[in-house]
Amino acid sequence: MTEFFPRHSTGWRIEQPHALRRLTLSLPQMALVTGVVLRLWRSYTLTHGAADSWAWVGGTFLVGASFLCLMCALHLANFTLRNWFWRAPLFAVLESGAEIVASLALTTVNLEPLGAEMAEYSDWIPTAMRILYWRLGGLILFSFVLGVVVSILRRLILVAEDRTRTVAAVHRASAEQQAVVEPSDGAPN
């Protein structure tokens, strides 16, 4: 007779990734953290720094842009290059949304700087459009350049490890995929 309820159960051990890894795997969480931190960084640097110094403004801009690119790269590094095509723009849109909401919250409590004075509600829509435009364009350009660099480095590593059969297989698969997408004889599929 079969045993429907076994007397001994086996214990399964599930390994959870550490907190930073779990964060980098989640697109909405990474975008939310990035957007809020960037907006708070901008607000702090424009209200507490030497805004008339080009070195201060340039340095803080460079730190913010580096943080944005780092967070995007940390997220994209978990996925294949094919997934970057939709993940990078979605990350940019969600990050912009988080930053726009943070900007509205800072405007509400009168802590959102806009030049020499504080921003008002009438400044929010143009600021939101500017944020969306620059983040979307900048992150798509960054992810494209990063994707090209990653692709080149992967091929160089394969060649350096003398894995020429793998390189040939990658080229063959790429050519076959291109042939399916664009038939050479012009006949309809």
C-alpha atoms as a PDB file:
ATOM      1  CA  MET A   1       0.000   0.000   0.000  1.00  0.00           C
ATOM      2  CA  THR A   2       1.342   3.437  -0.892  1.00  0.00           C
ATOM      3  CA  GLU A   3       2.082   5.869   1.806  1.00  0.00           C
ATOM      4  CA  PHE A   4       0.083   9.067   1.266  1.00  0.00           C
ATOM      5  CA  PHE A   5       1.415  10.753   4.362  1.00  0.00           C
ATOM      6  CA  PRO A   6       5.095   9.965   4.849  1.00  0.00           C
ATOM      7  CA  ARG A   7       6.398   9.607   8.372  1.00  0.00           C
ATOM      8  CA  HIS A   8       9.534  11.638   7.639  1.00  0.00           C
ATOM      9  CA  SER A   9       9.609  14.943   5.889  1.00  0.00           C
ATOM     10  CA  THR A  10      12.689  16.340   4.276  1.00  0.00           C
ATOM     11  CA  GLY A  11      13.774  19.813   5.081  1.00  0.00           C
ATOM     12  CA  TRP A  12      14.251  22.186   2.212  1.00  0.00           C
ATOM     13  CA  ARG A  13      16.684  25.013   2.600  1.00  0.00           C
ATOM     14  CA  ILE A  14      15.887  27.990   0.454  1.00  0.00           C
ATOM     15  CA  GLU A  15      18.713  30.435   0.016  1.00  0.00           C
ATOM     16  CA  GLN A  16      17.525  34.001  -0.085  1.00  0.00           C
ATOM     17  CA  PRO A  17      19.777  36.527  -1.797  1.00  0.00           C
ATOM     18  CA  HIS A  18      21.095  39.282   0.427  1.00  0.00           C
ATOM     19  CA  ALA A  19      19.235  42.578   0.635  1.00  0.00           C
ATOM     20  CA  LEU A  20      21.236  44.482  -1.994  1.00  0.00           C
ATOM     21  CA  ARG A  21      20.847  41.648  -4.493  1.00  0.00           C
ATOM     22  CA  ARG A  22      17.077  41.488  -3.898  1.00  0.00           C
ATOM     23  CA  LEU A  23      16.908  45.245  -4.417  1.00  0.00           C
ATOM     24  CA  THR A  24      18.843  45.114  -7.686  1.00  0.00           C
ATOM     25  CA  LEU A  25      16.555  42.390  -9.037  1.00  0.00           C
ATOM     26  CA  SER A  26      13.435  44.532  -8.569  1.00  0.00           C
ATOM     27  CA  LEU A  27      12.897  47.145 -11.269  1.00  0.00           C
ATOM     28  CA  PRO A  28      10.294  49.231  -9.371  1.00  0.00           C
ATOM     29  CA  GLN A  29      12.258  49.264  -6.125  1.00  0.00           C
ATOM     30  CA  MET A  30      15.525  50.252  -7.824  1.00  0.00           C
ATOM     31  CA  ALA A  31      13.791  53.019  -9.753  1.00  0.00           C
ATOM     32  CA  LEU A  32      12.009  54.301  -6.643  1.00  0.00           C
ATOM     33  CA  VAL A  33      15.172  54.389  -4.539  1.00  0.00           C
ATOM     34  CA  THR A  34      17.143  56.037  -7.349  1.00  0.00           C
ATOM     35  CA  GLY A  35      14.524  58.708  -8.056  1.00  0.00           C
ATOM     36  CA  VAL A  36      13.980  59.709  -4.427  1.00  0.00           C
ATOM     37  CA  VAL A  37      17.696  59.750  -3.575  1.00  0.00           C
ATOM     38  CA  LEU A  38      18.534  61.820  -6.672  1.00  0.00           C
ATOM     39  CA  ARG A  39      15.844  64.393  -5.942  1.00  0.00           C
ATOM     40  CA  LEU A  40      16.892  64.721  -2.306  1.00  0.00           C
ATOM     41  CA  TRP A  41      20.548  64.994  -3.417  1.00  0.00           C
ATOM     42  CA  ARG A  42      19.658  67.776  -5.860  1.00  0.00           C
ATOM     43  CA  SER A  43      17.639  69.650  -3.258  1.00  0.00           C
ATOM     44  CA  TYR A  44      20.398  69.368  -0.667  1.00  0.00           C
ATOM     45  CA  THR A  45      23.230  70.393  -2.972  1.00  0.00           C
ATOM     46  CA  LEU A  46      21.409  73.410  -4.387  1.00  0.00           C
ATOM     47  CA  THR A  47      20.381  74.725  -0.965  1.00  0.00           C
ATOM     48  CA  HIS A  48      23.507  73.952   1.085  1.00  0.00           C
ATOM     49  CA  GLY A  49      26.379  74.413  -1.331  1.00  0.00           C
ATOM     50  CA  ALA A  50      28.237  77.165  -3.062  1.00  0.00           C
ATOM     51  CA  ALA A  51      25.851  77.411  -6.005  1.00  0.00           C
ATOM     52  CA  ASP A  52      27.902  80.221  -7.552  1.00  0.00           C
ATOM     53  CA  SER A  53      30.962  77.956  -7.835  1.00  0.00           C
ATOM     54  CA  TRP A  54      31.203  76.043 -11.105  1.00  0.00           C
ATOM     55  CA  ALA A  55      33.324  73.372  -9.421  1.00  0.00           C
ATOM     56  CA  TRP A  56      30.577  72.748  -6.838  1.00  0.00           C
ATOM     57  CA  VAL A  57      27.765  72.630  -9.384  1.00  0.00           C
ATOM     58  CA  GLY A  58      29.769  70.457 -11.796  1.00  0.00           C
ATOM     59  CA  GLY A  59      30.955  68.125  -9.056  1.00  0.00           C
ATOM     60  CA  THR A  60      27.503  67.583  -7.600  1.00  0.00           C
ATOM     61  CA  PHE A  61      26.059  67.047 -11.079  1.00  0.00           C
ATOM     62  CA  LEU A  62      28.763  64.472 -11.788  1.00  0.00           C
ATOM     63  CA  VAL A  63      28.061  62.640  -8.516  1.00  0.00           C
ATOM     64  CA  GLY A  64      24.316  62.562  -9.291  1.00  0.00           C
ATOM     65  CA  ALA A  65      24.812  61.352 -12.872  1.00  0.00           C
ATOM     66  CA  SER A  66      27.260  58.694 -11.689  1.00  0.00           C
ATOM     67  CA  PHE A  67      24.771  57.479  -9.082  1.00  0.00           C
ATOM     68  CA  LEU A  68      21.997  57.298 -11.689  1.00  0.00           C
ATOM     69  CA  CYS A  69      24.170  55.309 -14.123  1.00  0.00           C
ATOM     70  CA  LEU A  70      25.448  53.042 -11.352  1.00  0.00           C
ATOM     71  CA  MET A  71      21.952  52.163 -10.170  1.00  0.00           C
ATOM     72  CA  CYS A  72      20.817  51.472 -13.741  1.00  0.00           C
ATOM     73  CA  ALA A  73      23.885  49.301 -14.378  1.00  0.00           C
ATOM     74  CA  LEU A  74      23.383  47.400 -11.115  1.00  0.00           C
ATOM     75  CA  HIS A  75      19.861  46.538 -12.183  1.00  0.00           C
ATOM     76  CA  LEU A  76      20.679  45.691 -15.803  1.00  0.00           C
ATOM     77  CA  ALA A  77      23.617  43.482 -14.798  1.00  0.00           C
ATOM     78  CA  ASN A  78      21.154  40.877 -13.522  1.00  0.00           C
ATOM     79  CA  PHE A  79      19.678  40.294 -16.976  1.00  0.00           C
ATOM     80  CA  THR A  80      20.708  39.404 -20.517  1.00  0.00           C
ATOM     81  CA  LEU A  81      21.351  42.049 -23.148  1.00  0.00           C
ATOM     82  CA  ARG A  82      18.066  41.214 -24.872  1.00  0.00           C
ATOM     83  CA  ASN A  83      16.149  42.213 -21.751  1.00  0.00           C
ATOM     84  CA  TRP A  84      17.919  45.553 -21.608  1.00  0.00           C
ATOM     85  CA  PHE A  85      15.890  46.694 -24.610  1.00  0.00           C
ATOM     86  CA  TRP A  86      12.772  47.134 -22.488  1.00  0.00           C
ATOM     87  CA  ARG A  87      14.264  47.295 -18.978  1.00  0.00           C
ATOM     88  CA  ALA A  88      16.374  50.428 -19.514  1.00  0.00           C
ATOM     89  CA  PRO A  89      13.512  52.643 -20.814  1.00  0.00           C
ATOM     90  CA  LEU A  90      11.141  51.303 -18.160  1.00  0.00           C
ATOM     91  CA  PHE A  91      13.744  51.969 -15.472  1.00  0.00           C
ATOM     92  CA  ALA A  92      14.103  55.530 -16.796  1.00  0.00           C
ATOM     93  CA  VAL A  93      10.342  56.124 -16.790  1.00  0.00           C
ATOM     94  CA  LEU A  94       9.844  54.706 -13.298  1.00  0.00           C
ATOM     95  CA  GLU A  95      12.878  56.583 -11.954  1.00  0.00           C
ATOM     96  CA  SER A  96      11.574  59.804 -13.485  1.00  0.00           C
ATOM     97  CA  GLY A  97       8.153  59.176 -11.962  1.00  0.00           C
ATOM     98  CA  ALA A  98       9.665  58.677  -8.519  1.00  0.00           C
ATOM     99  CA  GLU A  99      11.733  61.813  -8.939  1.00  0.00           C
ATOM    100  CA  ILE A 100       8.718  63.819 -10.126  1.00  0.00           C
ATOM    101  CA  VAL A 101       6.640  62.703  -7.123  1.00  0.00           C
ATOM    102  CA  ALA A 102       9.556  63.543  -4.798  1.00  0.00           C
ATOM    103  CA  SER A 103       9.779  66.959  -6.480  1.00  0.00           C
ATOM    104  CA  LEU A 104       6.070  67.546  -5.844  1.00  0.00           C
ATOM    105  CA  ALA A 105       6.498  66.551  -2.199  1.00  0.00           C
ATOM    106  CA  LEU A 106       9.477  68.897  -1.806  1.00  0.00           C
ATOM    107  CA  THR A 107       7.533  71.689  -3.525  1.00  0.00           C
ATOM    108  CA  THR A 108       4.651  71.129  -1.102  1.00  0.00           C
ATOM    109  CA  VAL A 109       6.912  71.643   1.918  1.00  0.00           C
ATOM    110  CA  ASN A 110       8.742  74.514   0.166  1.00  0.00           C
ATOM    111  CA  LEU A 111      12.106  72.711  -0.045  1.00  0.00           C
ATOM    112  CA  GLU A 112      12.397  72.321  -3.833  1.00  0.00           C
ATOM    113  CA  PRO A 113      14.982  74.799  -5.165  1.00  0.00           C
ATOM    114  CA  LEU A 114      14.519  76.337  -8.586  1.00  0.00           C
ATOM    115  CA  GLY A 115      17.459  78.554  -9.282  1.00  0.00           C
ATOM    116  CA  ALA A 116      17.805  81.177  -6.555  1.00  0.00           C
ATOM    117  CA  GLU A 117      14.232  80.824  -5.248  1.00  0.00           C
ATOM    118  CA  MET A 118      12.033  77.937  -4.220  1.00  0.00           C
ATOM    119  CA  ALA A 119       9.781  76.201  -6.735  1.00  0.00           C
ATOM    120  CA  GLU A 120       6.032  76.731  -6.804  1.00  0.00           C
ATOM    121  CA  TYR A 121       3.258  74.461  -8.041  1.00  0.00           C
ATOM    122  CA  SER A 122       3.230  76.244 -11.405  1.00  0.00           C
ATOM    123  CA  ASP A 123       6.859  75.168 -11.922  1.00  0.00           C
ATOM    124  CA  TRP A 124       6.116  71.511 -11.340  1.00  0.00           C
ATOM    125  CA  ILE A 125       4.838  70.463 -14.809  1.00  0.00           C
ATOM    126  CA  PRO A 126       7.769  72.000 -16.745  1.00  0.00           C
ATOM    127  CA  THR A 127      10.169  70.474 -14.225  1.00  0.00           C
ATOM    128  CA  ALA A 128       8.481  67.073 -14.616  1.00  0.00           C
ATOM    129  CA  MET A 129       8.758  67.206 -18.411  1.00  0.00           C
ATOM    130  CA  ARG A 130      12.415  68.210 -18.190  1.00  0.00           C
ATOM    131  CA  ILE A 131      13.156  65.351 -15.757  1.00  0.00           C
ATOM    132  CA  LEU A 132      11.420  62.786 -17.979  1.00  0.00           C
ATOM    133  CA  TYR A 133      13.150  64.019 -21.141  1.00  0.00           C
ATOM    134  CA  TRP A 134      16.679  64.036 -19.736  1.00  0.00           C
ATOM    135  CA  ARG A 135      16.405  60.813 -17.733  1.00  0.00           C
ATOM    136  CA  LEU A 136      14.852  58.857 -20.571  1.00  0.00           C
ATOM    137  CA  GLY A 137      17.362  60.094 -23.144  1.00  0.00           C
ATOM    138  CA  GLY A 138      20.345  59.801 -20.836  1.00  0.00           C
ATOM    139  CA  LEU A 139      19.587  56.311 -19.551  1.00  0.00           C
ATOM    140  CA  ILE A 140      18.772  54.927 -22.993  1.00  0.00           C
ATOM    141  CA  LEU A 141      22.052  56.321 -24.338  1.00  0.00           C
ATOM    142  CA  PHE A 142      23.963  55.002 -21.318  1.00  0.00           C
ATOM    143  CA  SER A 143      22.435  51.519 -21.566  1.00  0.00           C
ATOM    144  CA  PHE A 144      23.131  51.387 -25.315  1.00  0.00           C
ATOM    145  CA  VAL A 145      26.801  52.277 -24.808  1.00  0.00           C
ATOM    146  CA  LEU A 146      27.035  49.860 -21.870  1.00  0.00           C
ATOM    147  CA  GLY A 147      25.441  47.113 -23.971  1.00  0.00           C
ATOM    148  CA  VAL A 148      27.951  47.648 -26.792  1.00  0.00           C
ATOM    149  CA  VAL A 149      30.855  47.550 -24.346  1.00  0.00           C
ATOM    150  CA  VAL A 150      29.525  44.413 -22.636  1.00  0.00           C
ATOM    151  CA  SER A 151      28.990  42.684 -25.980  1.00  0.00           C
ATOM    152  CA  ILE A 152      32.514  43.496 -27.178  1.00  0.00           C
ATOM    153  CA  LEU A 153      34.093  42.435 -23.900  1.00  0.00           C
ATOM    154  CA  ARG A 154      32.188  39.154 -23.860  1.00  0.00           C
ATOM    155  CA  ARG A 155      33.435  38.293 -27.341  1.00  0.00           C
ATOM    156  CA  LEU A 156      36.992  39.263 -26.441  1.00  0.00           C
ATOM    157  CA  ILE A 157      36.863  37.100 -23.328  1.00  0.00           C
ATOM    158  CA  LEU A 158      35.565  34.139 -25.351  1.00  0.00           C
ATOM    159  CA  VAL A 159      38.413  34.530 -27.839  1.00  0.00           C
ATOM    160  CA  ALA A 160      40.987  34.975 -25.065  1.00  0.00           C
ATOM    161  CA  GLU A 161      39.802  31.773 -23.399  1.00  0.00           C
ATOM    162  CA  ASP A 162      40.258  30.012 -26.744  1.00  0.00           C
ATOM    163  CA  ARG A 163      36.593  29.256 -27.031  1.00  0.00           C
ATOM    164  CA  THR A 164      36.494  29.864 -30.767  1.00  0.00           C
ATOM    165  CA  ARG A 165      33.754  27.260 -31.258  1.00  0.00           C
ATOM    166  CA  THR A 166      31.523  29.303 -28.946  1.00  0.00           C
ATOM    167  CA  VAL A 167      32.304  32.489 -30.873  1.00  0.00           C
ATOM    168  CA  ALA A 168      31.521  30.708 -34.153  1.00  0.00           C
ATOM    169  CA  ALA A 169      28.247  29.404 -32.712  1.00  0.00           C
ATOM    170  CA  VAL A 170      27.281  32.892 -31.576  1.00  0.00           C
ATOM    171  CA  HIS A 171      28.031  34.323 -35.035  1.00  0.00           C
ATOM    172  CA  ARG A 172      26.131  31.476 -36.728  1.00  0.00           C
ATOM    173  CA  ALA A 173      23.091  31.941 -34.470  1.00  0.00           C
ATOM    174  CA  SER A 174      23.189  35.685 -35.079  1.00  0.00           C
ATOM    175  CA  ALA A 175      23.316  35.156 -38.852  1.00  0.00           C
ATOM    176  CA  GLU A 176      20.450  32.647 -38.714  1.00  0.00           C
ATOM    177  CA  GLN A 177      18.342  35.004 -36.666  1.00  0.00           C
ATOM    178  CA  GLN A 178      19.068  37.842 -39.105  1.00  0.00           C
ATOM    179  CA  ALA A 179      18.107  35.574 -42.039  1.00  0.00           C
ATOM    180  CA  VAL A 180      14.764  34.805 -40.388  1.00  0.00           C
ATOM    181  CA  VAL A 181      14.075  38.487 -39.731  1.00  0.00           C
ATOM    182  CA  GLU A 182      15.098  39.652 -43.233  1.00  0.00           C
ATOM    183  CA  PRO A 183      14.658  37.008 -45.935  1.00  0.00           C
ATOM    184  CA  SER A 184      17.327  37.384 -48.614  1.00  0.00           C
ATOM    185  CA  ASP A 185      15.225  36.330 -51.633  1.00  0.00           C
ATOM    186  CA  GLY A 186      12.483  38.879 -50.944  1.00  0.00           C
ATOM    187  CA  ALA A 187       9.755  36.198 -50.930  1.00  0.00           C
ATOM    188  CA  PRO A 188       7.039  36.600 -48.297  1.00  0.00           C
ATOM    189  CA  ASN A 189       7.101  34.168 -45.378  1.00  0.00           C
END
